[in-house]
Amino acid sequence: MPELPEVENTRRNLVRAGLPGCAISSAEITWANTVKKPSAAELAVGLKNRTIQDVRRRGKYLVFPLSGAGPANFIVHLGMTGRLLVQPQSQEPDPMTRHSFPLDDGRELRFVDGRKFGKLWLVDSPAEVLPAMSPEPFDDQFTVETLAESFAGKKAPVKALLLDQSIACGLGNLYADESLFLAGLHPERPASGLSIDEVARLRQSIIDALTAAYGVYDRARDQHWPDPPTALTTWSHPRDVKADCPNCGTKMTAIRVRARGTYFCANCQV
């Protein structure tokens, strides 16, 4: 599933492709269940001849402010396998393209979504769609104190709480594991039992994991433009029980935490 680095990579790809300033000429929706609000037909009408003013991201959601009359925000969630591409209308689309939005410059914004778990909204305000979320991990408001407060009194495994978007928005299974690996923390530790120094180490590891991932995608974008990859291995911990921990050489361990596959080093993460 696309997590914060993948969604941010998509945002940066769309900005580099020059999507802001383009007008949507029409909308071709082939899987109506993707559209959550309004109806698919109303969304198609509401997008017609609207100019995309910017490409923003909040957590795992992409927000496209629109010019003109009507609902002011087009919002996209990529789901499990979604990708947003800007391509010439003459280019053969990926067979898993579910929705196309022809632009006024001869290109199309295409939503490729093999598993059909993506979601689309056209609403007045992002607040109608976005769930409660913590500050972005790179925001000044994402502090050791706010993270510690989120953990206070909660005996749930720290891995499970990192997947709560109101605690660490944008993190998913992979980057939660990576952050805990970098911090040297066992994923099943009760969150309320972490010391303030451990919380500080975890906060910094979240930032470090995301920064490293951003760097991988930025370099790939420069190298492969105009067709950059959208799903890369950007983490340092092996997700294979046959693999050695890169720090100590111990074989990696696999468990399930709240039904989520979890990989960690039983020697380094305590």
Protein backbone atom coordinates (compact mmCIF):
# COMPACT_ATOMS: atom_id res chain seq x y z
CA MET A 1 0.00 0.00 0.00
CA PRO A 2 1.31 3.49 -0.80
CA GLU A 3 2.51 5.15 2.39
CA LEU A 4 3.61 8.72 3.01
CA PRO A 5 6.80 8.55 0.86
CA GLU A 6 4.91 6.99 -2.07
CA VAL A 7 2.11 9.55 -1.89
CA GLU A 8 4.58 12.41 -1.56
CA ASN A 9 6.51 10.97 -4.50
CA THR A 10 3.29 11.00 -6.52
CA ARG A 11 2.70 14.63 -5.54
CA ARG A 12 6.21 15.64 -6.59
CA ASN A 13 5.86 13.73 -9.86
CA LEU A 14 2.63 15.56 -10.68
CA VAL A 15 4.14 18.94 -9.84
CA ARG A 16 7.19 18.23 -11.97
CA ALA A 17 4.88 17.15 -14.81
CA GLY A 18 3.31 20.61 -14.69
CA LEU A 19 -0.14 19.53 -13.58
CA PRO A 20 -0.86 22.72 -11.59
CA GLY A 21 -2.36 25.20 -14.03
CA CYS A 22 -3.87 22.54 -16.28
CA ALA A 23 -7.64 22.46 -16.82
CA ILE A 24 -9.59 19.21 -16.74
CA SER A 25 -11.55 18.95 -19.98
CA SER A 26 -13.69 15.98 -18.94
CA ALA A 27 -13.70 12.89 -16.73
CA GLU A 28 -13.97 9.26 -17.78
CA ILE A 29 -14.94 7.15 -14.75
CA THR A 30 -14.97 3.42 -15.49
CA TRP A 31 -15.39 2.10 -11.93
CA ALA A 32 -18.08 4.12 -10.18
CA ASN A 33 -17.43 2.58 -6.76
CA THR A 34 -14.20 4.56 -6.57
CA VAL A 35 -16.20 7.77 -6.27
CA LYS A 36 -17.31 8.34 -2.68
CA LYS A 37 -18.82 11.82 -2.95
CA PRO A 38 -20.79 12.99 -4.91
CA SER A 39 -21.99 10.42 -7.48
CA ALA A 40 -19.67 9.43 -10.33
CA ALA A 41 -21.82 11.40 -12.79
CA GLU A 42 -21.83 14.48 -10.56
CA LEU A 43 -18.07 14.26 -10.07
CA ALA A 44 -17.53 14.13 -13.84
CA VAL A 45 -19.71 17.20 -14.36
CA GLY A 46 -18.14 19.02 -11.42
CA LEU A 47 -14.59 18.56 -12.71
CA LYS A 48 -15.25 19.68 -16.27
CA ASN A 49 -13.32 22.82 -17.27
CA ARG A 50 -11.91 23.27 -13.76
CA THR A 51 -8.25 24.29 -13.42
CA ILE A 52 -6.01 22.45 -10.97
CA GLN A 53 -4.41 25.17 -8.90
CA ASP A 54 -2.00 23.06 -6.87
CA VAL A 55 -1.13 19.52 -5.78
CA ARG A 56 -1.10 19.13 -2.01
CA ARG A 57 -0.78 16.20 0.35
CA ARG A 58 -2.16 15.56 3.82
CA GLY A 59 -1.14 12.20 5.24
CA LYS A 60 -1.89 9.63 2.54
CA TYR A 61 -4.40 11.88 0.75
CA LEU A 62 -3.74 14.03 -2.33
CA VAL A 63 -5.69 17.28 -2.48
CA PHE A 64 -6.19 19.22 -5.73
CA PRO A 65 -7.65 22.72 -5.13
CA LEU A 66 -9.75 23.75 -8.14
CA SER A 67 -10.60 27.11 -9.67
CA GLY A 68 -14.09 28.18 -10.68
CA ALA A 69 -17.56 27.52 -9.33
CA GLY A 70 -18.49 24.29 -7.59
CA PRO A 71 -16.84 22.14 -4.92
CA ALA A 72 -13.35 23.50 -4.45
CA ASN A 73 -11.33 20.33 -3.77
CA PHE A 74 -10.74 17.13 -5.72
CA ILE A 75 -9.31 14.53 -3.31
CA VAL A 76 -7.65 11.22 -4.14
CA HIS A 77 -6.64 8.28 -1.96
CA LEU A 78 -4.47 5.79 -3.85
CA GLY A 79 -5.74 2.74 -1.95
CA MET A 80 -3.61 -0.42 -2.14
CA THR A 81 -2.08 -0.16 -5.60
CA GLY A 82 -3.11 3.21 -7.04
CA ARG A 83 -0.91 5.41 -9.21
CA LEU A 84 -1.56 8.83 -10.75
CA LEU A 85 0.21 9.51 -14.04
CA VAL A 86 0.23 12.44 -16.45
CA GLN A 87 0.65 11.07 -19.97
CA PRO A 88 -0.04 12.15 -23.57
CA GLN A 89 -3.55 11.24 -24.68
CA SER A 90 -1.93 9.50 -27.65
CA GLN A 91 0.02 7.14 -25.36
CA GLU A 92 -1.48 3.70 -24.84
CA PRO A 93 -2.82 3.63 -21.27
CA ASP A 94 -1.93 0.99 -18.72
CA PRO A 95 -4.58 -1.76 -18.90
CA MET A 96 -5.34 -1.16 -15.21
CA THR A 97 -6.27 2.49 -15.82
CA ARG A 98 -9.66 2.95 -14.16
CA HIS A 99 -10.20 6.68 -14.63
CA SER A 100 -8.92 9.27 -17.09
CA PHE A 101 -9.09 13.03 -16.90
CA PRO A 102 -8.19 14.63 -20.26
CA LEU A 103 -6.38 17.96 -19.83
CA ASP A 104 -6.48 21.08 -21.96
CA ASP A 105 -2.87 20.61 -23.13
CA GLY A 106 -3.36 17.28 -24.89
CA ARG A 107 -2.36 15.10 -21.95
CA GLU A 108 -4.36 13.05 -19.46
CA LEU A 109 -4.28 12.56 -15.74
CA ARG A 110 -4.70 8.78 -15.38
CA PHE A 111 -5.60 6.83 -12.26
CA VAL A 112 -4.14 3.33 -12.54
CA ASP A 113 -5.68 1.13 -9.85
CA GLY A 114 -5.37 -2.60 -10.33
CA ARG A 115 -7.13 -3.66 -7.14
CA LYS A 116 -9.80 -0.94 -7.30
CA PHE A 117 -9.28 0.21 -3.72
CA GLY A 118 -8.64 3.85 -4.63
CA LYS A 119 -11.09 6.59 -3.68
CA LEU A 120 -12.18 9.90 -5.21
CA TRP A 121 -14.08 12.84 -3.74
CA LEU A 122 -15.17 16.27 -4.97
CA VAL A 123 -16.03 18.38 -1.94
CA ASP A 124 -16.10 21.94 -0.66
CA SER A 125 -13.55 21.33 2.09
CA PRO A 126 -10.95 18.62 2.78
CA ALA A 127 -12.37 18.46 6.29
CA GLU A 128 -15.35 16.59 4.83
CA VAL A 129 -13.05 13.71 3.91
CA LEU A 130 -9.86 13.68 5.94
CA PRO A 131 -9.84 11.73 9.22
CA ALA A 132 -8.28 13.03 12.41
CA MET A 133 -4.54 13.14 11.81
CA SER A 134 -1.46 14.01 13.78
CA PRO A 135 0.86 16.78 12.62
CA GLU A 136 2.94 15.78 9.61
CA PRO A 137 6.18 14.08 10.75
CA PHE A 138 8.23 16.94 9.26
CA ASP A 139 6.14 19.66 10.93
CA ASP A 140 7.48 21.47 13.96
CA GLN A 141 4.33 20.40 15.81
CA PHE A 142 5.36 16.73 15.60
CA THR A 143 7.35 16.85 18.81
CA VAL A 144 8.64 14.36 21.34
CA GLU A 145 6.07 15.72 23.77
CA THR A 146 3.08 15.27 21.44
CA LEU A 147 4.18 11.74 20.55
CA ALA A 148 4.68 10.85 24.22
CA GLU A 149 1.25 12.29 25.02
CA SER A 150 -0.29 10.11 22.30
CA PHE A 151 1.29 7.03 23.92
CA ALA A 152 0.38 7.94 27.50
CA GLY A 153 -1.87 5.41 29.18
CA LYS A 154 -1.97 3.14 26.12
CA LYS A 155 -0.79 -0.44 26.66
CA ALA A 156 -1.23 -1.35 23.00
CA PRO A 157 1.92 -2.42 21.11
CA VAL A 158 3.84 0.58 19.87
CA LYS A 159 3.76 -0.84 16.33
CA ALA A 160 -0.05 -0.82 16.37
CA LEU A 161 -0.19 2.79 17.56
CA LEU A 162 2.22 3.94 14.85
CA LEU A 163 -0.38 2.78 12.32
CA ASP A 164 -2.98 5.09 13.90
CA GLN A 165 -3.09 8.17 11.66
CA SER A 166 -4.01 10.38 14.61
CA ILE A 167 -0.64 9.49 16.16
CA ALA A 168 1.76 9.28 13.19
CA CYS A 169 -0.01 10.33 10.02
CA GLY A 170 1.26 8.83 6.80
CA LEU A 171 2.97 5.84 8.36
CA GLY A 172 1.90 2.39 7.27
CA ASN A 173 3.17 -1.10 7.91
CA LEU A 174 6.53 -0.79 6.16
CA TYR A 175 7.66 2.52 7.57
CA ALA A 176 6.38 1.70 11.05
CA ASP A 177 8.65 -1.38 10.98
CA GLU A 178 11.53 0.67 9.59
CA SER A 179 11.15 3.38 12.22
CA LEU A 180 11.13 0.84 15.04
CA PHE A 181 14.15 -0.92 13.54
CA LEU A 182 16.12 2.33 13.37
CA ALA A 183 15.06 3.19 16.92
CA GLY A 184 16.01 -0.25 18.27
CA LEU A 185 12.54 -0.80 19.75
CA HIS A 186 10.64 -4.07 19.86
CA PRO A 187 7.32 -3.69 17.98
CA GLU A 188 5.36 -5.37 20.79
CA ARG A 189 6.55 -2.99 23.52
CA PRO A 190 3.56 -1.36 25.27
CA ALA A 191 3.57 2.22 24.05
CA SER A 192 2.97 3.68 27.50
CA GLY A 193 6.10 1.90 28.77
CA LEU A 194 8.50 3.79 26.53
CA SER A 195 10.79 6.23 28.29
CA ILE A 196 10.95 9.81 27.07
CA ASP A 197 14.40 9.07 25.62
CA GLU A 198 12.97 6.12 23.68
CA VAL A 199 10.10 8.26 22.39
CA ALA A 200 12.62 10.86 21.27
CA ARG A 201 14.64 8.17 19.51
CA LEU A 202 11.50 6.86 17.81
CA ARG A 203 10.42 10.31 16.65
CA GLN A 204 13.83 10.93 15.11
CA SER A 205 13.81 7.47 13.51
CA ILE A 206 10.43 8.20 11.89
CA ILE A 207 11.89 11.37 10.39
CA ASP A 208 15.08 9.57 9.34
CA ALA A 209 13.15 6.72 7.68
CA LEU A 210 10.97 9.11 5.71
CA THR A 211 13.89 11.36 4.77
CA ALA A 212 15.80 8.37 3.39
CA ALA A 213 12.76 7.25 1.41
CA TYR A 214 12.23 10.72 -0.03
CA GLY A 215 15.85 10.72 -1.15
CA VAL A 216 15.48 7.37 -2.95
CA TYR A 217 12.44 8.61 -4.85
CA ASP A 218 13.97 12.00 -5.64
CA ARG A 219 17.06 10.39 -7.16
CA ALA A 220 14.95 7.91 -9.13
CA ARG A 221 12.78 10.74 -10.44
CA ASP A 222 15.81 12.62 -11.72
CA GLN A 223 17.30 9.49 -13.26
CA HIS A 224 14.19 8.08 -14.94
CA TRP A 225 12.14 11.15 -15.82
CA PRO A 226 9.58 11.30 -17.49
CA ASP A 227 8.70 7.75 -16.38
CA PRO A 228 9.92 7.53 -12.78
CA PRO A 229 9.18 4.44 -10.67
CA THR A 230 6.37 4.72 -8.15
CA ALA A 231 7.11 1.77 -5.84
CA LEU A 232 10.66 1.23 -4.62
CA THR A 233 12.35 -0.55 -1.72
CA THR A 234 13.42 2.40 0.43
CA TRP A 235 13.84 0.76 3.84
CA SER A 236 16.97 -0.72 5.43
CA HIS A 237 15.57 -3.64 7.45
CA PRO A 238 15.17 -6.96 5.58
CA ARG A 239 11.61 -8.25 5.34
CA ASP A 240 12.71 -11.88 5.14
CA VAL A 241 13.30 -14.33 8.00
CA LYS A 242 16.16 -15.88 6.03
CA ALA A 243 17.97 -12.55 5.89
CA ASP A 244 20.51 -11.27 8.40
CA CYS A 245 20.04 -8.10 10.40
CA PRO A 246 22.38 -5.54 8.79
CA ASN A 247 23.48 -4.39 12.25
CA CYS A 248 24.27 -7.60 14.13
CA GLY A 249 23.89 -10.51 11.71
CA THR A 250 21.03 -12.19 13.62
CA LYS A 251 18.30 -13.68 11.44
CA MET A 252 15.26 -11.43 11.15
CA THR A 253 12.07 -12.42 12.99
CA ALA A 254 8.53 -12.29 11.60
CA ILE A 255 5.44 -11.96 13.79
CA ARG A 256 1.97 -10.47 13.51
CA VAL A 257 1.03 -7.39 15.50
CA ARG A 258 -2.69 -6.73 15.45
CA ALA A 259 -2.90 -8.88 12.28
CA ARG A 260 -0.17 -6.90 10.50
CA GLY A 261 2.95 -8.69 9.27
CA THR A 262 5.91 -7.37 11.23
CA TYR A 263 9.66 -7.87 10.74
CA PHE A 264 12.26 -7.02 13.35
CA CYS A 265 15.59 -8.04 14.85
CA ALA A 266 15.04 -9.80 18.17
CA ASN A 267 18.61 -8.96 19.19
CA CYS A 268 18.77 -5.25 18.32
CA GLN A 269 15.18 -4.29 19.08
CA VAL A 270 14.33 -4.48 22.76
